[in-house]
N, C-alpha and C. Protein backbone atom coordinates (compact mmCIF):
# COMPACT_ATOMS: atom_id res chain seq x y z
N MET A 1 -5.19 -40.10 39.99
CA MET A 1 -4.67 -40.32 38.63
C MET A 1 -5.43 -39.47 37.62
N ARG A 2 -6.72 -39.29 37.87
CA ARG A 2 -7.50 -38.47 36.95
C ARG A 2 -7.06 -37.01 37.01
N LYS A 3 -6.69 -36.53 38.21
CA LYS A 3 -6.21 -35.16 38.34
C LYS A 3 -4.94 -34.97 37.52
N ILE A 4 -4.04 -35.93 37.59
CA ILE A 4 -2.80 -35.84 36.80
C ILE A 4 -3.12 -35.84 35.32
N PHE A 5 -4.08 -36.69 34.93
CA PHE A 5 -4.46 -36.78 33.52
C PHE A 5 -5.00 -35.44 33.01
N PHE A 6 -5.90 -34.83 33.79
CA PHE A 6 -6.50 -33.58 33.35
C PHE A 6 -5.52 -32.40 33.42
N ASN A 7 -4.56 -32.45 34.36
CA ASN A 7 -3.52 -31.42 34.39
C ASN A 7 -2.64 -31.49 33.15
N ILE A 8 -2.27 -32.70 32.76
CA ILE A 8 -1.48 -32.88 31.54
C ILE A 8 -2.28 -32.45 30.33
N LEU A 9 -3.56 -32.81 30.32
CA LEU A 9 -4.42 -32.43 29.20
C LEU A 9 -4.54 -30.92 29.09
N LYS A 10 -4.63 -30.24 30.24
CA LYS A 10 -4.75 -28.78 30.25
C LYS A 10 -3.47 -28.12 29.76
N ASN A 11 -2.31 -28.68 30.15
CA ASN A 11 -1.03 -28.07 29.78
C ASN A 11 -0.62 -28.40 28.35
N GLN A 12 -0.87 -29.59 27.91
CA GLN A 12 -0.38 -30.04 26.62
C GLN A 12 -1.38 -29.88 25.49
N GLY A 13 -2.64 -29.63 25.80
CA GLY A 13 -3.63 -29.47 24.76
C GLY A 13 -4.36 -30.76 24.46
N LYS A 14 -5.24 -30.71 23.49
CA LYS A 14 -6.10 -31.85 23.18
C LYS A 14 -5.61 -32.65 21.97
N LEU A 15 -4.44 -32.28 21.43
CA LEU A 15 -3.98 -32.93 20.21
C LEU A 15 -3.69 -34.41 20.43
N CYS A 16 -2.98 -34.72 21.53
CA CYS A 16 -2.64 -36.12 21.79
C CYS A 16 -3.89 -36.96 22.05
N VAL A 17 -4.87 -36.39 22.75
CA VAL A 17 -6.10 -37.12 23.05
C VAL A 17 -6.86 -37.42 21.77
N ILE A 18 -6.93 -36.44 20.87
CA ILE A 18 -7.62 -36.65 19.59
C ILE A 18 -6.93 -37.75 18.79
N CYS A 19 -5.58 -37.70 18.76
CA CYS A 19 -4.84 -38.73 18.03
C CYS A 19 -5.08 -40.11 18.65
N ALA A 20 -5.12 -40.15 19.97
CA ALA A 20 -5.34 -41.43 20.64
C ALA A 20 -6.74 -41.97 20.36
N LEU A 21 -7.73 -41.10 20.37
CA LEU A 21 -9.09 -41.54 20.09
C LEU A 21 -9.23 -42.03 18.66
N LEU A 22 -8.55 -41.36 17.73
CA LEU A 22 -8.60 -41.80 16.35
C LEU A 22 -7.96 -43.17 16.18
N GLN A 23 -6.93 -43.45 16.99
CA GLN A 23 -6.27 -44.75 16.93
C GLN A 23 -6.94 -45.79 17.84
N GLN A 24 -8.09 -45.41 18.45
CA GLN A 24 -8.85 -46.31 19.32
C GLN A 24 -8.02 -46.79 20.51
N LYS A 25 -7.34 -45.83 21.15
CA LYS A 25 -6.55 -46.15 22.33
C LYS A 25 -7.46 -46.16 23.57
N THR A 26 -7.06 -46.93 24.56
CA THR A 26 -7.81 -46.97 25.82
C THR A 26 -7.43 -45.78 26.69
N TYR A 27 -8.14 -45.65 27.81
CA TYR A 27 -7.87 -44.55 28.74
C TYR A 27 -6.43 -44.61 29.25
N LYS A 28 -5.97 -45.81 29.60
CA LYS A 28 -4.62 -45.97 30.14
C LYS A 28 -3.57 -45.67 29.07
N GLN A 29 -3.80 -46.14 27.84
CA GLN A 29 -2.85 -45.89 26.76
C GLN A 29 -2.76 -44.40 26.43
N THR A 30 -3.92 -43.72 26.46
CA THR A 30 -3.92 -42.28 26.21
C THR A 30 -3.13 -41.54 27.28
N PHE A 31 -3.30 -41.96 28.53
CA PHE A 31 -2.55 -41.34 29.63
C PHE A 31 -1.05 -41.54 29.43
N MET A 32 -0.64 -42.72 29.02
CA MET A 32 0.79 -43.00 28.80
C MET A 32 1.35 -42.16 27.66
N LEU A 33 0.54 -41.95 26.61
CA LEU A 33 0.99 -41.10 25.50
C LEU A 33 1.22 -39.67 25.97
N LEU A 34 0.29 -39.15 26.76
CA LEU A 34 0.44 -37.79 27.27
C LEU A 34 1.64 -37.68 28.21
N TRP A 35 1.83 -38.67 29.05
CA TRP A 35 2.95 -38.65 29.99
C TRP A 35 4.29 -38.69 29.24
N ARG A 36 4.37 -39.53 28.22
CA ARG A 36 5.60 -39.62 27.42
C ARG A 36 5.87 -38.30 26.69
N HIS A 37 4.80 -37.69 26.17
CA HIS A 37 4.94 -36.41 25.47
C HIS A 37 5.46 -35.32 26.41
N THR A 38 4.97 -35.33 27.67
CA THR A 38 5.42 -34.35 28.65
C THR A 38 6.87 -34.56 29.03
N MET A 39 7.28 -35.78 29.23
CA MET A 39 8.66 -36.08 29.61
C MET A 39 9.64 -35.76 28.49
N LEU A 40 9.23 -35.95 27.25
CA LEU A 40 10.10 -35.61 26.13
C LEU A 40 10.34 -34.11 26.07
N LYS A 41 9.30 -33.33 26.39
CA LYS A 41 9.47 -31.88 26.39
C LYS A 41 10.39 -31.43 27.51
N LYS A 42 10.32 -32.11 28.66
CA LYS A 42 11.14 -31.72 29.79
C LYS A 42 12.60 -32.07 29.59
N THR A 43 12.90 -33.07 28.77
CA THR A 43 14.28 -33.51 28.56
C THR A 43 14.94 -32.80 27.39
N GLU A 44 14.47 -31.61 27.04
CA GLU A 44 15.09 -30.85 25.96
C GLU A 44 16.49 -30.40 26.40
N THR A 45 17.46 -30.46 25.48
CA THR A 45 18.84 -30.14 25.80
C THR A 45 18.98 -28.67 26.15
N PHE A 46 19.66 -28.40 27.28
CA PHE A 46 19.85 -27.03 27.76
C PHE A 46 21.24 -26.95 28.38
N SER A 47 22.07 -26.05 27.85
CA SER A 47 23.45 -25.93 28.32
C SER A 47 23.70 -24.51 28.82
N VAL A 48 24.57 -24.40 29.83
CA VAL A 48 24.91 -23.09 30.41
C VAL A 48 26.42 -23.01 30.58
N LEU A 49 27.01 -21.94 30.06
CA LEU A 49 28.41 -21.61 30.31
C LEU A 49 28.41 -20.46 31.31
N ASP A 50 28.70 -20.78 32.57
CA ASP A 50 28.45 -19.83 33.65
C ASP A 50 29.53 -18.76 33.74
N VAL A 51 29.26 -17.79 34.61
CA VAL A 51 30.17 -16.66 34.81
C VAL A 51 31.51 -17.16 35.32
N GLY A 52 32.60 -16.62 34.77
CA GLY A 52 33.95 -16.99 35.19
C GLY A 52 34.56 -18.09 34.35
N LEU A 53 33.77 -18.77 33.52
CA LEU A 53 34.30 -19.83 32.67
C LEU A 53 34.72 -19.27 31.32
N THR A 54 35.86 -19.75 30.82
CA THR A 54 36.38 -19.33 29.51
C THR A 54 36.62 -20.57 28.67
N MET A 55 36.13 -20.53 27.44
CA MET A 55 36.29 -21.68 26.54
C MET A 55 36.86 -21.20 25.22
N GLU A 56 37.93 -21.87 24.76
CA GLU A 56 38.57 -21.54 23.49
C GLU A 56 38.57 -22.76 22.59
N GLY A 57 38.37 -22.51 21.27
CA GLY A 57 38.37 -23.61 20.32
C GLY A 57 37.04 -23.70 19.59
N THR A 58 36.70 -24.91 19.17
CA THR A 58 35.45 -25.16 18.44
C THR A 58 34.42 -25.76 19.38
N LEU A 59 33.26 -25.12 19.42
CA LEU A 59 32.19 -25.55 20.32
C LEU A 59 30.94 -25.85 19.51
N SER A 60 30.36 -27.03 19.72
CA SER A 60 29.13 -27.42 19.04
C SER A 60 28.11 -27.86 20.08
N CYS A 61 26.87 -27.37 19.93
CA CYS A 61 25.85 -27.69 20.93
C CYS A 61 24.50 -27.88 20.25
N LYS A 62 23.62 -28.60 20.94
CA LYS A 62 22.25 -28.81 20.47
C LYS A 62 21.28 -28.20 21.48
N GLY A 63 20.10 -27.87 21.00
CA GLY A 63 19.11 -27.27 21.88
C GLY A 63 19.47 -25.82 22.20
N LYS A 64 19.18 -25.42 23.44
CA LYS A 64 19.46 -24.05 23.88
C LYS A 64 20.77 -24.00 24.65
N MET A 65 21.50 -22.90 24.43
CA MET A 65 22.75 -22.68 25.16
C MET A 65 22.79 -21.24 25.63
N VAL A 66 23.06 -21.05 26.93
CA VAL A 66 23.18 -19.73 27.53
C VAL A 66 24.64 -19.50 27.89
N ILE A 67 25.19 -18.39 27.40
CA ILE A 67 26.60 -18.07 27.64
C ILE A 67 26.66 -16.88 28.58
N LYS A 68 27.20 -17.12 29.78
CA LYS A 68 27.44 -16.05 30.74
C LYS A 68 28.92 -15.81 30.96
N GLY A 69 29.75 -16.69 30.40
CA GLY A 69 31.19 -16.55 30.51
C GLY A 69 31.79 -15.97 29.24
N THR A 70 32.95 -16.54 28.83
CA THR A 70 33.68 -16.04 27.66
C THR A 70 33.94 -17.20 26.71
N VAL A 71 33.69 -16.96 25.43
CA VAL A 71 33.92 -17.97 24.40
C VAL A 71 34.78 -17.34 23.31
N LYS A 72 35.84 -18.07 22.90
CA LYS A 72 36.71 -17.62 21.82
C LYS A 72 36.92 -18.77 20.85
N GLY A 73 36.71 -18.50 19.55
CA GLY A 73 36.93 -19.55 18.55
C GLY A 73 35.77 -19.67 17.59
N THR A 74 35.18 -20.86 17.50
CA THR A 74 34.08 -21.15 16.58
C THR A 74 32.95 -21.82 17.35
N LEU A 75 31.74 -21.37 17.07
CA LEU A 75 30.57 -21.90 17.77
C LEU A 75 29.49 -22.26 16.76
N VAL A 76 29.00 -23.50 16.84
CA VAL A 76 27.91 -23.99 15.99
C VAL A 76 26.81 -24.50 16.91
N GLY A 77 25.59 -24.00 16.70
CA GLY A 77 24.50 -24.43 17.57
C GLY A 77 23.14 -24.12 16.98
N GLU A 78 22.12 -24.38 17.77
CA GLU A 78 20.74 -24.15 17.34
C GLU A 78 20.22 -22.81 17.88
N THR A 79 20.04 -22.73 19.20
CA THR A 79 19.57 -21.50 19.83
C THR A 79 20.59 -21.08 20.87
N VAL A 80 21.21 -19.93 20.67
CA VAL A 80 22.26 -19.44 21.56
C VAL A 80 21.83 -18.11 22.15
N ILE A 81 22.02 -17.97 23.46
CA ILE A 81 21.70 -16.73 24.17
C ILE A 81 22.95 -16.26 24.89
N ILE A 82 23.39 -15.05 24.59
CA ILE A 82 24.53 -14.45 25.27
C ILE A 82 23.98 -13.56 26.38
N GLY A 83 24.27 -13.92 27.63
CA GLY A 83 23.77 -13.15 28.76
C GLY A 83 24.44 -11.80 28.88
N GLN A 84 23.96 -11.01 29.83
CA GLN A 84 24.49 -9.66 30.01
C GLN A 84 25.96 -9.69 30.42
N GLU A 85 26.39 -10.75 31.13
CA GLU A 85 27.79 -10.86 31.55
C GLU A 85 28.64 -11.57 30.51
N GLY A 86 28.02 -12.14 29.49
CA GLY A 86 28.74 -12.96 28.54
C GLY A 86 29.50 -12.16 27.49
N GLU A 87 30.62 -12.75 27.03
CA GLU A 87 31.45 -12.17 25.97
C GLU A 87 31.82 -13.29 25.00
N VAL A 88 31.59 -13.03 23.72
CA VAL A 88 31.88 -14.03 22.69
C VAL A 88 32.70 -13.37 21.60
N PHE A 89 33.88 -13.96 21.33
CA PHE A 89 34.74 -13.51 20.23
C PHE A 89 34.91 -14.73 19.32
N ALA A 90 34.01 -14.87 18.37
CA ALA A 90 33.99 -16.12 17.60
C ALA A 90 33.26 -15.94 16.29
N ASP A 91 33.40 -16.97 15.45
CA ASP A 91 32.58 -17.11 14.24
C ASP A 91 31.46 -18.09 14.58
N MET A 92 30.22 -17.63 14.38
CA MET A 92 29.07 -18.42 14.81
C MET A 92 28.17 -18.76 13.64
N LYS A 93 27.66 -19.99 13.65
CA LYS A 93 26.63 -20.43 12.72
C LYS A 93 25.54 -21.09 13.56
N VAL A 94 24.42 -20.39 13.70
CA VAL A 94 23.37 -20.84 14.60
C VAL A 94 22.01 -20.70 13.92
N GLY A 95 20.99 -21.28 14.58
CA GLY A 95 19.63 -21.08 14.10
C GLY A 95 19.12 -19.71 14.48
N SER A 96 19.22 -19.38 15.77
CA SER A 96 18.84 -18.05 16.26
C SER A 96 19.81 -17.64 17.36
N LEU A 97 20.04 -16.34 17.45
CA LEU A 97 21.00 -15.80 18.42
C LEU A 97 20.39 -14.59 19.10
N THR A 98 20.51 -14.56 20.43
CA THR A 98 20.08 -13.41 21.23
C THR A 98 21.30 -12.86 21.94
N VAL A 99 21.59 -11.58 21.70
CA VAL A 99 22.78 -10.94 22.26
C VAL A 99 22.34 -9.99 23.36
N GLY A 100 22.70 -10.34 24.60
CA GLY A 100 22.46 -9.46 25.73
C GLY A 100 23.74 -8.92 26.31
N GLY A 101 24.87 -9.49 25.87
CA GLY A 101 26.18 -9.04 26.33
C GLY A 101 26.99 -8.46 25.18
N LYS A 102 28.21 -9.00 24.99
CA LYS A 102 29.10 -8.48 23.94
C LYS A 102 29.44 -9.60 22.97
N PHE A 103 29.36 -9.26 21.69
CA PHE A 103 29.74 -10.20 20.64
C PHE A 103 30.61 -9.49 19.62
N VAL A 104 31.74 -10.12 19.26
CA VAL A 104 32.63 -9.61 18.22
C VAL A 104 32.98 -10.78 17.32
N GLY A 105 32.70 -10.65 16.02
CA GLY A 105 33.01 -11.73 15.09
C GLY A 105 32.03 -11.77 13.94
N ASN A 106 31.89 -12.96 13.37
CA ASN A 106 30.99 -13.17 12.23
C ASN A 106 29.81 -14.05 12.67
N ILE A 107 28.61 -13.61 12.29
CA ILE A 107 27.40 -14.35 12.66
C ILE A 107 26.67 -14.77 11.39
N ARG A 108 26.23 -16.02 11.39
CA ARG A 108 25.31 -16.50 10.36
C ARG A 108 24.12 -17.12 11.08
N ALA A 109 23.05 -16.34 11.22
CA ALA A 109 21.85 -16.80 11.91
C ALA A 109 20.80 -17.16 10.86
N MET A 110 20.46 -18.44 10.79
CA MET A 110 19.55 -18.90 9.75
C MET A 110 18.12 -18.42 9.99
N GLU A 111 17.76 -18.14 11.23
CA GLU A 111 16.40 -17.71 11.52
C GLU A 111 16.35 -16.25 11.97
N LYS A 112 16.92 -15.96 13.16
CA LYS A 112 16.70 -14.63 13.73
C LYS A 112 17.88 -14.21 14.57
N LEU A 113 18.17 -12.90 14.55
CA LEU A 113 19.16 -12.29 15.42
C LEU A 113 18.47 -11.21 16.23
N VAL A 114 18.56 -11.32 17.56
CA VAL A 114 17.93 -10.36 18.47
C VAL A 114 19.02 -9.71 19.30
N ILE A 115 19.07 -8.37 19.29
CA ILE A 115 20.01 -7.62 20.11
C ILE A 115 19.21 -6.91 21.19
N LEU A 116 19.44 -7.30 22.44
CA LEU A 116 18.71 -6.71 23.56
C LEU A 116 19.24 -5.32 23.87
N SER A 117 18.57 -4.65 24.81
CA SER A 117 18.95 -3.28 25.16
C SER A 117 20.34 -3.21 25.77
N THR A 118 20.82 -4.32 26.34
CA THR A 118 22.16 -4.36 26.94
C THR A 118 23.18 -4.97 26.00
N GLY A 119 22.78 -5.32 24.79
CA GLY A 119 23.65 -6.03 23.86
C GLY A 119 24.52 -5.12 23.01
N ASN A 120 25.69 -5.66 22.63
CA ASN A 120 26.63 -4.95 21.76
C ASN A 120 27.16 -5.96 20.75
N CYS A 121 26.92 -5.70 19.47
CA CYS A 121 27.30 -6.64 18.41
C CYS A 121 28.18 -5.93 17.39
N GLU A 122 29.36 -6.52 17.11
CA GLU A 122 30.30 -5.94 16.15
C GLU A 122 30.80 -7.04 15.22
N GLY A 123 31.06 -6.66 13.95
CA GLY A 123 31.61 -7.60 12.98
C GLY A 123 30.78 -7.69 11.73
N LYS A 124 30.50 -8.91 11.27
CA LYS A 124 29.68 -9.15 10.08
C LYS A 124 28.48 -10.01 10.47
N VAL A 125 27.32 -9.63 9.94
CA VAL A 125 26.08 -10.31 10.32
C VAL A 125 25.36 -10.77 9.06
N MET A 126 24.95 -12.04 9.05
CA MET A 126 24.07 -12.58 8.02
C MET A 126 22.89 -13.23 8.74
N CYS A 127 21.69 -12.73 8.48
CA CYS A 127 20.53 -13.25 9.19
C CYS A 127 19.28 -13.11 8.33
N LYS A 128 18.24 -13.84 8.73
CA LYS A 128 16.96 -13.76 8.03
C LYS A 128 16.11 -12.63 8.60
N ASP A 129 16.01 -12.57 9.93
CA ASP A 129 15.27 -11.51 10.61
C ASP A 129 16.19 -10.85 11.62
N LEU A 130 16.08 -9.53 11.74
CA LEU A 130 16.92 -8.76 12.67
C LEU A 130 16.02 -7.92 13.55
N VAL A 131 16.20 -8.06 14.88
CA VAL A 131 15.43 -7.31 15.87
C VAL A 131 16.41 -6.62 16.81
N ILE A 132 16.28 -5.29 16.94
CA ILE A 132 17.15 -4.51 17.83
C ILE A 132 16.27 -3.74 18.80
N GLU A 133 16.45 -4.01 20.08
CA GLU A 133 15.70 -3.27 21.09
C GLU A 133 16.30 -1.88 21.29
N PRO A 134 15.51 -0.92 21.77
CA PRO A 134 16.05 0.42 22.07
C PRO A 134 17.20 0.33 23.07
N GLY A 135 18.33 0.92 22.70
CA GLY A 135 19.52 0.84 23.54
C GLY A 135 20.53 -0.17 23.05
N GLY A 136 20.10 -1.11 22.21
CA GLY A 136 21.02 -2.09 21.66
C GLY A 136 21.97 -1.47 20.64
N ILE A 137 23.20 -2.00 20.57
CA ILE A 137 24.24 -1.44 19.69
C ILE A 137 24.59 -2.47 18.62
N LEU A 138 24.57 -2.02 17.38
CA LEU A 138 24.96 -2.86 16.24
C LEU A 138 25.92 -2.08 15.37
N ASN A 139 27.19 -2.47 15.39
CA ASN A 139 28.21 -1.89 14.52
C ASN A 139 28.75 -3.02 13.65
N ALA A 140 28.04 -3.31 12.58
CA ALA A 140 28.38 -4.48 11.77
C ALA A 140 27.92 -4.30 10.34
N GLU A 141 28.51 -5.10 9.47
CA GLU A 141 28.07 -5.19 8.08
C GLU A 141 26.95 -6.23 8.01
N VAL A 142 25.76 -5.79 7.66
CA VAL A 142 24.57 -6.64 7.73
C VAL A 142 24.18 -7.10 6.33
N THR A 143 23.91 -8.39 6.19
CA THR A 143 23.43 -8.98 4.94
C THR A 143 22.17 -9.77 5.23
N CYS A 144 21.13 -9.51 4.44
CA CYS A 144 19.86 -10.23 4.61
C CYS A 144 19.89 -11.50 3.76
N LEU A 145 19.53 -12.63 4.37
CA LEU A 145 19.59 -13.91 3.65
C LEU A 145 18.46 -14.07 2.66
N SER A 146 17.30 -13.47 2.92
CA SER A 146 16.16 -13.60 2.01
C SER A 146 15.40 -12.31 2.00
N VAL A 147 14.87 -11.96 0.79
CA VAL A 147 14.07 -10.75 0.61
C VAL A 147 12.68 -11.17 0.23
N LYS A 148 11.67 -10.68 0.96
CA LYS A 148 10.28 -11.02 0.66
C LYS A 148 9.79 -10.19 -0.50
N GLN A 149 9.22 -10.88 -1.49
CA GLN A 149 8.68 -10.21 -2.66
C GLN A 149 7.20 -10.55 -2.80
N GLU A 150 6.49 -9.64 -3.37
CA GLU A 150 5.08 -9.89 -3.63
C GLU A 150 4.94 -10.95 -4.71
N PRO A 151 3.96 -11.85 -4.59
CA PRO A 151 3.82 -12.91 -5.59
C PRO A 151 3.57 -12.35 -6.97
N GLY A 152 4.36 -12.86 -7.93
CA GLY A 152 4.21 -12.40 -9.31
C GLY A 152 4.93 -11.12 -9.61
N ALA A 153 5.74 -10.64 -8.64
CA ALA A 153 6.41 -9.36 -8.88
C ALA A 153 7.54 -9.51 -9.88
N ASP A 154 8.16 -10.72 -9.91
CA ASP A 154 9.30 -10.91 -10.80
C ASP A 154 8.91 -11.60 -12.11
N LYS A 155 7.63 -11.78 -12.37
CA LYS A 155 7.23 -12.45 -13.60
C LYS A 155 7.36 -11.54 -14.80
N GLU A 156 7.03 -10.29 -14.65
CA GLU A 156 7.04 -9.37 -15.77
C GLU A 156 7.88 -8.16 -15.41
N PRO A 157 8.94 -7.89 -16.14
CA PRO A 157 9.76 -6.73 -15.81
C PRO A 157 9.01 -5.43 -16.02
N LEU A 158 9.56 -4.38 -15.43
CA LEU A 158 8.86 -3.11 -15.42
C LEU A 158 8.77 -2.51 -16.81
N HIS A 159 9.83 -2.69 -17.64
CA HIS A 159 9.81 -2.03 -18.94
C HIS A 159 8.79 -2.66 -19.89
N ASN A 160 8.41 -3.94 -19.61
CA ASN A 160 7.39 -4.56 -20.45
C ASN A 160 5.98 -4.09 -20.12
N SER A 161 5.80 -3.57 -18.92
CA SER A 161 4.47 -3.12 -18.51
C SER A 161 4.13 -1.75 -19.07
N VAL A 162 5.10 -1.06 -19.62
CA VAL A 162 4.85 0.26 -20.20
C VAL A 162 4.55 0.09 -21.68
N LYS A 163 3.37 0.49 -22.10
CA LYS A 163 2.96 0.34 -23.49
C LYS A 163 3.38 1.57 -24.28
N GLU A 164 3.98 1.30 -25.44
CA GLU A 164 4.41 2.39 -26.29
C GLU A 164 3.25 2.87 -27.15
N LEU A 165 3.09 4.16 -27.23
CA LEU A 165 2.03 4.73 -28.06
C LEU A 165 2.42 4.66 -29.53
N PRO A 166 1.46 4.42 -30.44
CA PRO A 166 1.80 4.36 -31.87
C PRO A 166 2.29 5.72 -32.36
N SER A 167 3.34 5.65 -33.15
CA SER A 167 3.93 6.89 -33.64
C SER A 167 3.07 7.47 -34.76
N LYS A 168 2.78 8.76 -34.68
CA LYS A 168 1.97 9.44 -35.69
C LYS A 168 2.89 10.07 -36.74
N PRO A 169 2.49 9.96 -38.04
CA PRO A 169 3.33 10.59 -39.08
C PRO A 169 3.33 12.10 -38.93
N VAL A 170 4.49 12.65 -39.05
CA VAL A 170 4.64 14.10 -38.90
C VAL A 170 4.65 14.73 -40.29
N LYS A 171 3.76 15.69 -40.50
CA LYS A 171 3.69 16.38 -41.78
C LYS A 171 4.84 17.37 -41.90
N GLU A 172 5.50 17.26 -43.05
CA GLU A 172 6.61 18.17 -43.27
C GLU A 172 6.08 19.52 -43.72
N GLN A 173 6.51 20.50 -43.04
CA GLN A 173 6.10 21.87 -43.36
C GLN A 173 7.34 22.66 -43.73
N SER A 174 7.22 23.27 -44.91
CA SER A 174 8.36 24.07 -45.37
C SER A 174 8.38 25.38 -44.61
N GLN A 175 9.45 25.58 -43.93
CA GLN A 175 9.61 26.81 -43.17
C GLN A 175 10.68 27.65 -43.86
N SER A 176 10.34 28.86 -44.11
CA SER A 176 11.29 29.77 -44.77
C SER A 176 12.34 30.20 -43.78
N GLN A 177 13.51 30.42 -44.29
CA GLN A 177 14.59 30.85 -43.44
C GLN A 177 14.43 32.29 -42.99
N ASN A 178 13.75 33.12 -43.84
CA ASN A 178 13.58 34.53 -43.49
C ASN A 178 12.12 34.89 -43.61
N PRO A 179 11.33 34.81 -42.51
CA PRO A 179 9.90 35.12 -42.60
C PRO A 179 9.64 36.58 -42.89
N VAL A 180 10.56 37.46 -42.54
CA VAL A 180 10.37 38.90 -42.81
C VAL A 180 10.37 39.16 -44.30
N LYS A 181 11.22 38.37 -45.01
CA LYS A 181 11.31 38.54 -46.45
C LYS A 181 10.00 38.14 -47.11
N GLU A 182 9.37 37.02 -46.61
CA GLU A 182 8.10 36.58 -47.19
C GLU A 182 7.01 37.61 -46.96
N ALA A 183 7.05 38.26 -45.83
CA ALA A 183 6.01 39.26 -45.54
C ALA A 183 6.13 40.48 -46.43
N THR A 184 7.36 40.82 -46.82
CA THR A 184 7.57 42.02 -47.65
C THR A 184 7.42 41.73 -49.13
N GLU A 185 7.55 40.44 -49.54
CA GLU A 185 7.47 40.12 -50.97
C GLU A 185 6.13 40.47 -51.59
N PRO A 186 4.96 40.21 -51.02
CA PRO A 186 3.68 40.55 -51.67
C PRO A 186 3.54 42.04 -51.92
N SER A 187 3.95 42.87 -50.98
CA SER A 187 3.83 44.33 -51.19
C SER A 187 4.73 44.79 -52.32
N GLU A 188 5.96 44.19 -52.41
CA GLU A 188 6.87 44.58 -53.49
C GLU A 188 6.29 44.17 -54.84
N ASN A 189 5.66 42.98 -54.91
CA ASN A 189 5.06 42.52 -56.16
C ASN A 189 3.92 43.43 -56.58
N LYS A 190 3.11 43.89 -55.60
CA LYS A 190 2.00 44.79 -55.93
C LYS A 190 2.52 46.10 -56.51
N GLU A 191 3.57 46.63 -55.90
CA GLU A 191 4.14 47.89 -56.40
C GLU A 191 4.69 47.71 -57.82
N ALA A 192 5.33 46.57 -58.09
CA ALA A 192 5.89 46.34 -59.42
C ALA A 192 4.78 46.22 -60.46
N ASN A 193 3.69 45.52 -60.09
CA ASN A 193 2.57 45.37 -61.02
C ASN A 193 1.90 46.70 -61.30
N SER A 194 1.72 47.52 -60.25
CA SER A 194 1.10 48.84 -60.47
C SER A 194 1.99 49.73 -61.33
N GLY A 195 3.32 49.60 -61.19
CA GLY A 195 4.24 50.39 -62.03
C GLY A 195 4.15 49.98 -63.48
N LYS A 196 4.01 48.68 -63.72
CA LYS A 196 3.89 48.20 -65.10
C LYS A 196 2.61 48.72 -65.74
N LYS A 197 1.49 48.69 -64.96
CA LYS A 197 0.22 49.17 -65.51
C LYS A 197 0.30 50.65 -65.87
N SER A 198 0.89 51.45 -65.01
CA SER A 198 0.99 52.91 -65.30
C SER A 198 1.87 53.18 -66.52
N SER A 199 2.93 52.39 -66.70
CA SER A 199 3.79 52.60 -67.88
C SER A 199 3.06 52.22 -69.16
N LYS A 200 2.20 51.15 -69.07
CA LYS A 200 1.43 50.75 -70.25
C LYS A 200 0.44 51.84 -70.63
N LYS A 201 -0.21 52.46 -69.64
CA LYS A 201 -1.16 53.54 -69.93
C LYS A 201 -0.45 54.74 -70.57
N ALA A 202 0.71 55.04 -70.08
CA ALA A 202 1.45 56.18 -70.65
C ALA A 202 1.83 55.91 -72.10
N ASP A 203 2.24 54.67 -72.40
CA ASP A 203 2.60 54.33 -73.78
C ASP A 203 1.38 54.41 -74.68
N ALA A 204 0.21 53.96 -74.17
CA ALA A 204 -1.01 54.01 -75.00
C ALA A 204 -1.42 55.44 -75.28
N GLU A 205 -1.25 56.35 -74.33
CA GLU A 205 -1.59 57.76 -74.55
C GLU A 205 -0.67 58.39 -75.60
N LYS A 206 0.62 58.05 -75.55
CA LYS A 206 1.57 58.60 -76.53
C LYS A 206 1.22 58.13 -77.94
N ILE A 207 0.84 56.84 -78.05
CA ILE A 207 0.49 56.32 -79.38
C ILE A 207 -0.74 57.02 -79.92
N GLY A 208 -1.73 57.31 -79.05
CA GLY A 208 -2.95 57.99 -79.50
C GLY A 208 -2.68 59.41 -79.96
N LYS A 209 -1.78 60.10 -79.30
CA LYS A 209 -1.43 61.47 -79.69
C LYS A 209 -0.74 61.49 -81.04
N THR A 210 0.17 60.57 -81.29
CA THR A 210 0.90 60.55 -82.56
C THR A 210 -0.04 60.24 -83.71
N GLU A 211 -1.04 59.39 -83.51
CA GLU A 211 -1.96 59.04 -84.59
C GLU A 211 -2.85 60.22 -84.95
N SER A 212 -3.19 60.98 -83.92
CA SER A 212 -4.04 62.14 -84.20
C SER A 212 -3.24 63.23 -84.87
């Protein structure tokens, strides 16, 4: 009996024993808890649709289901595996789906969709995680159910993170339309002033001659 106890303890871990000790269970009660835990794991629901079987209509299953035959219609389940010989032409809503054969239709996988190297998937796909092995074929419209974002990424939009620089006043500078004209104007003014001075000198000389 002790060998059985320690084999169960080795396979199932120490969690049940710790819980039993905390609840002050005896050796026999702890053994019964471990045995019950093992039997519950062994009685997990497992269904197989074997090769050569064809099912049409609405199919609902719990636990794991392996499809090696043909299914047409609607399928609702938890964990579905399509074998290499399996063919499914249906609308499916499952927890996770593994495609090793052929699937045509609409898939809504709440957890994960896995396409094996022998798998062929066509139609529309909605899933949380998508895994495709080398050699697997996916010809479908894919929609991701959730997008992982960094924490705090959506708190502040991008345009708010850019700070605007203060605007500096621009000094108005008068720009002449013809800069060549401005460059020539000073020389012309100098020539005009020199001409006026020479004419004044000539007039003064004439006046001096007439007086003499």
